[in-house]
């Protein structure tokens, strides 16, 4: 909501205060809506990042078999 400064100054004090308070409430509401949208977008991007780098786990038997194949089974 935009109000011309001359018009705002011409209003009585009570009306001016109510109008300014309403404008400020609208600003705060718009700010929180933008923040909520930003947080939702940020959460979506984090989920996409996780999907690209999945964790892989191997069974112990598979790891031992791989070590034997690559001759990494010797104890030092």
N, C-alpha and C. Protein backbone atom coordinates (compact mmCIF):
# COMPACT_ATOMS: atom_id res chain seq x y z
N UNK A 1 0.86 -1.17 0.00
CA UNK A 1 0.00 0.00 0.00
C UNK A 1 0.90 1.24 0.00
N UNK A 2 0.72 2.08 -0.97
CA UNK A 2 1.49 3.32 -1.09
C UNK A 2 0.57 4.51 -0.87
N UNK A 3 0.98 5.43 -0.02
CA UNK A 3 0.21 6.65 0.26
C UNK A 3 1.13 7.85 0.01
N UNK A 4 0.59 8.82 -0.69
CA UNK A 4 1.35 10.05 -0.94
C UNK A 4 1.65 10.73 0.40
N UNK A 5 2.85 11.22 0.55
CA UNK A 5 3.29 11.84 1.81
C UNK A 5 2.43 13.05 2.16
N UNK A 6 2.05 13.86 1.17
CA UNK A 6 1.21 15.04 1.44
C UNK A 6 -0.16 14.62 1.96
N UNK A 7 -0.74 13.58 1.36
CA UNK A 7 -2.03 13.08 1.82
C UNK A 7 -1.92 12.54 3.24
N UNK A 8 -0.84 11.83 3.51
CA UNK A 8 -0.63 11.27 4.84
C UNK A 8 -0.53 12.37 5.90
N UNK A 9 0.18 13.43 5.58
CA UNK A 9 0.35 14.54 6.52
C UNK A 9 -0.95 15.31 6.73
N UNK A 10 -1.84 15.28 5.73
CA UNK A 10 -3.09 16.03 5.85
C UNK A 10 -4.12 15.30 6.72
N UNK A 11 -3.93 14.03 6.97
CA UNK A 11 -4.87 13.26 7.79
C UNK A 11 -4.73 13.62 9.26
N UNK A 12 -5.80 13.49 10.02
CA UNK A 12 -5.71 13.68 11.47
C UNK A 12 -4.80 12.61 12.08
N UNK A 13 -4.25 12.92 13.25
CA UNK A 13 -3.27 12.05 13.89
C UNK A 13 -3.78 10.62 14.08
N UNK A 14 -5.00 10.44 14.54
CA UNK A 14 -5.54 9.10 14.78
C UNK A 14 -5.64 8.28 13.52
N UNK A 15 -6.16 8.90 12.46
CA UNK A 15 -6.26 8.18 11.18
C UNK A 15 -4.88 7.86 10.63
N UNK A 16 -3.96 8.79 10.76
CA UNK A 16 -2.59 8.59 10.27
C UNK A 16 -1.94 7.40 11.00
N UNK A 17 -2.13 7.35 12.32
CA UNK A 17 -1.55 6.25 13.09
C UNK A 17 -2.15 4.90 12.68
N UNK A 18 -3.47 4.85 12.51
CA UNK A 18 -4.11 3.60 12.09
C UNK A 18 -3.63 3.16 10.71
N UNK A 19 -3.53 4.14 9.81
CA UNK A 19 -3.10 3.83 8.45
C UNK A 19 -1.65 3.33 8.43
N UNK A 20 -0.79 4.00 9.17
CA UNK A 20 0.62 3.59 9.22
C UNK A 20 0.74 2.22 9.87
N UNK A 21 -0.05 1.96 10.89
CA UNK A 21 -0.02 0.65 11.55
C UNK A 21 -0.47 -0.44 10.58
N UNK A 22 -1.54 -0.17 9.81
CA UNK A 22 -2.03 -1.14 8.84
C UNK A 22 -0.97 -1.40 7.76
N UNK A 23 -0.32 -0.34 7.29
CA UNK A 23 0.72 -0.50 6.28
C UNK A 23 1.88 -1.34 6.81
N UNK A 24 2.24 -1.09 8.07
CA UNK A 24 3.33 -1.85 8.68
C UNK A 24 2.95 -3.33 8.83
N UNK A 25 1.71 -3.60 9.20
CA UNK A 25 1.25 -4.99 9.32
C UNK A 25 1.30 -5.69 7.96
N UNK A 26 0.95 -4.99 6.90
CA UNK A 26 1.02 -5.56 5.56
C UNK A 26 2.47 -5.85 5.17
N UNK A 27 3.38 -4.96 5.54
CA UNK A 27 4.80 -5.19 5.26
C UNK A 27 5.29 -6.44 5.96
N UNK A 28 4.93 -6.57 7.23
CA UNK A 28 5.38 -7.73 8.01
C UNK A 28 4.80 -9.02 7.44
N UNK A 29 3.52 -8.98 7.07
CA UNK A 29 2.86 -10.16 6.51
C UNK A 29 3.55 -10.56 5.20
N UNK A 30 3.85 -9.60 4.35
CA UNK A 30 4.52 -9.89 3.09
C UNK A 30 5.92 -10.46 3.34
N UNK A 31 6.61 -9.93 4.35
CA UNK A 31 7.95 -10.42 4.69
C UNK A 31 7.90 -11.89 5.10
N UNK A 32 6.97 -12.25 5.98
CA UNK A 32 6.88 -13.62 6.44
C UNK A 32 6.45 -14.57 5.32
N UNK A 33 5.62 -14.10 4.41
CA UNK A 33 5.24 -14.93 3.26
C UNK A 33 6.45 -15.19 2.36
N UNK A 34 7.28 -14.16 2.14
CA UNK A 34 8.50 -14.35 1.35
C UNK A 34 9.46 -15.30 2.04
N UNK A 35 9.62 -15.15 3.36
CA UNK A 35 10.51 -16.03 4.11
C UNK A 35 10.02 -17.48 4.06
N UNK A 36 8.73 -17.68 4.17
CA UNK A 36 8.16 -19.03 4.12
C UNK A 36 8.42 -19.66 2.75
N UNK A 37 8.22 -18.88 1.69
CA UNK A 37 8.47 -19.38 0.34
C UNK A 37 9.95 -19.69 0.16
N UNK A 38 10.82 -18.85 0.70
CA UNK A 38 12.26 -19.07 0.61
C UNK A 38 12.67 -20.34 1.35
N UNK A 39 12.13 -20.54 2.56
CA UNK A 39 12.45 -21.73 3.34
C UNK A 39 11.97 -22.99 2.61
N UNK A 40 10.79 -22.91 2.00
CA UNK A 40 10.26 -24.06 1.26
C UNK A 40 11.16 -24.37 0.07
N UNK A 41 11.60 -23.33 -0.63
CA UNK A 41 12.47 -23.52 -1.78
C UNK A 41 13.82 -24.08 -1.33
N UNK A 42 14.34 -23.57 -0.22
CA UNK A 42 15.63 -24.04 0.29
C UNK A 42 15.54 -25.50 0.71
N UNK A 43 14.44 -25.88 1.34
CA UNK A 43 14.24 -27.27 1.72
C UNK A 43 14.15 -28.17 0.51
N UNK A 44 13.51 -27.71 -0.54
CA UNK A 44 13.41 -28.48 -1.78
C UNK A 44 14.78 -28.67 -2.39
N UNK A 45 15.61 -27.63 -2.38
CA UNK A 45 16.95 -27.74 -2.94
C UNK A 45 17.82 -28.69 -2.12
N UNK A 46 17.65 -28.69 -0.80
CA UNK A 46 18.41 -29.63 0.03
C UNK A 46 18.03 -31.06 -0.29
N UNK A 47 16.72 -31.31 -0.49
CA UNK A 47 16.28 -32.66 -0.84
C UNK A 47 16.87 -33.09 -2.18
N UNK A 48 16.97 -32.16 -3.13
CA UNK A 48 17.56 -32.50 -4.42
C UNK A 48 19.04 -32.84 -4.27
N UNK A 49 19.75 -32.12 -3.41
CA UNK A 49 21.16 -32.40 -3.19
C UNK A 49 21.35 -33.79 -2.62
N UNK A 50 20.51 -34.17 -1.65
CA UNK A 50 20.63 -35.49 -1.05
C UNK A 50 20.37 -36.58 -2.09
N UNK A 51 19.46 -36.35 -2.96
CA UNK A 51 19.12 -37.35 -3.96
C UNK A 51 20.28 -37.60 -4.91
N UNK A 52 21.11 -36.62 -5.14
CA UNK A 52 22.22 -36.77 -6.07
C UNK A 52 23.39 -37.54 -5.44
N UNK A 53 23.52 -37.55 -4.13
CA UNK A 53 24.63 -38.20 -3.46
C UNK A 53 24.13 -39.27 -2.49
N UNK A 54 23.57 -40.36 -3.01
CA UNK A 54 23.07 -41.38 -2.09
C UNK A 54 24.23 -42.13 -1.45
N UNK A 55 24.02 -42.60 -0.24
CA UNK A 55 25.04 -43.39 0.45
C UNK A 55 24.88 -44.85 0.06
N UNK A 56 26.00 -45.50 -0.17
CA UNK A 56 25.99 -46.90 -0.57
C UNK A 56 26.66 -47.70 0.52
N UNK A 57 26.04 -48.81 0.93
CA UNK A 57 26.60 -49.69 1.95
C UNK A 57 26.77 -51.08 1.35
N UNK A 58 27.91 -51.72 1.66
CA UNK A 58 28.18 -53.07 1.19
C UNK A 58 28.21 -54.02 2.37
N UNK A 59 27.82 -55.26 2.10
CA UNK A 59 27.90 -56.29 3.13
C UNK A 59 29.36 -56.59 3.43
N UNK A 60 29.63 -57.05 4.63
CA UNK A 60 30.99 -57.38 5.02
C UNK A 60 31.55 -58.49 4.13
N UNK A 61 30.74 -59.46 3.78
CA UNK A 61 31.20 -60.57 2.93
C UNK A 61 31.63 -60.04 1.56
N UNK A 62 30.89 -59.09 1.01
CA UNK A 62 31.25 -58.52 -0.29
C UNK A 62 32.56 -57.74 -0.20
N UNK A 63 32.76 -57.02 0.90
CA UNK A 63 34.00 -56.25 1.07
C UNK A 63 35.19 -57.18 1.21
N UNK A 64 35.04 -58.30 1.92
CA UNK A 64 36.13 -59.25 2.08
C UNK A 64 36.44 -59.91 0.74
N UNK A 65 35.40 -60.28 0.00
CA UNK A 65 35.61 -60.89 -1.31
C UNK A 65 36.34 -59.92 -2.25
N UNK A 66 35.98 -58.67 -2.24
CA UNK A 66 36.65 -57.67 -3.07
C UNK A 66 38.11 -57.52 -2.66
N UNK A 67 38.38 -57.55 -1.35
CA UNK A 67 39.76 -57.44 -0.88
C UNK A 67 40.59 -58.63 -1.34
N UNK A 68 40.00 -59.83 -1.33
CA UNK A 68 40.72 -61.03 -1.78
C UNK A 68 41.02 -60.93 -3.26
N UNK A 69 40.05 -60.48 -4.05
CA UNK A 69 40.25 -60.36 -5.50
C UNK A 69 41.37 -59.38 -5.82
N UNK A 70 41.46 -58.29 -5.06
CA UNK A 70 42.47 -57.24 -5.31
C UNK A 70 43.73 -57.46 -4.47
N UNK A 71 43.86 -58.64 -3.87
CA UNK A 71 45.03 -59.00 -3.06
C UNK A 71 45.28 -58.02 -1.92
N UNK A 72 44.22 -57.53 -1.34
CA UNK A 72 44.32 -56.66 -0.17
C UNK A 72 43.95 -57.41 1.11
N UNK A 73 44.10 -58.71 1.08
CA UNK A 73 43.70 -59.53 2.22
C UNK A 73 44.85 -59.89 3.15
N UNK A 74 46.03 -59.41 2.88
CA UNK A 74 47.20 -59.73 3.71
C UNK A 74 47.21 -58.85 4.95
N UNK A 75 47.50 -59.48 6.07
CA UNK A 75 47.64 -58.71 7.32
C UNK A 75 49.08 -58.24 7.43
N UNK A 76 49.28 -57.04 7.87
CA UNK A 76 50.64 -56.51 7.99
C UNK A 76 51.00 -56.29 9.41
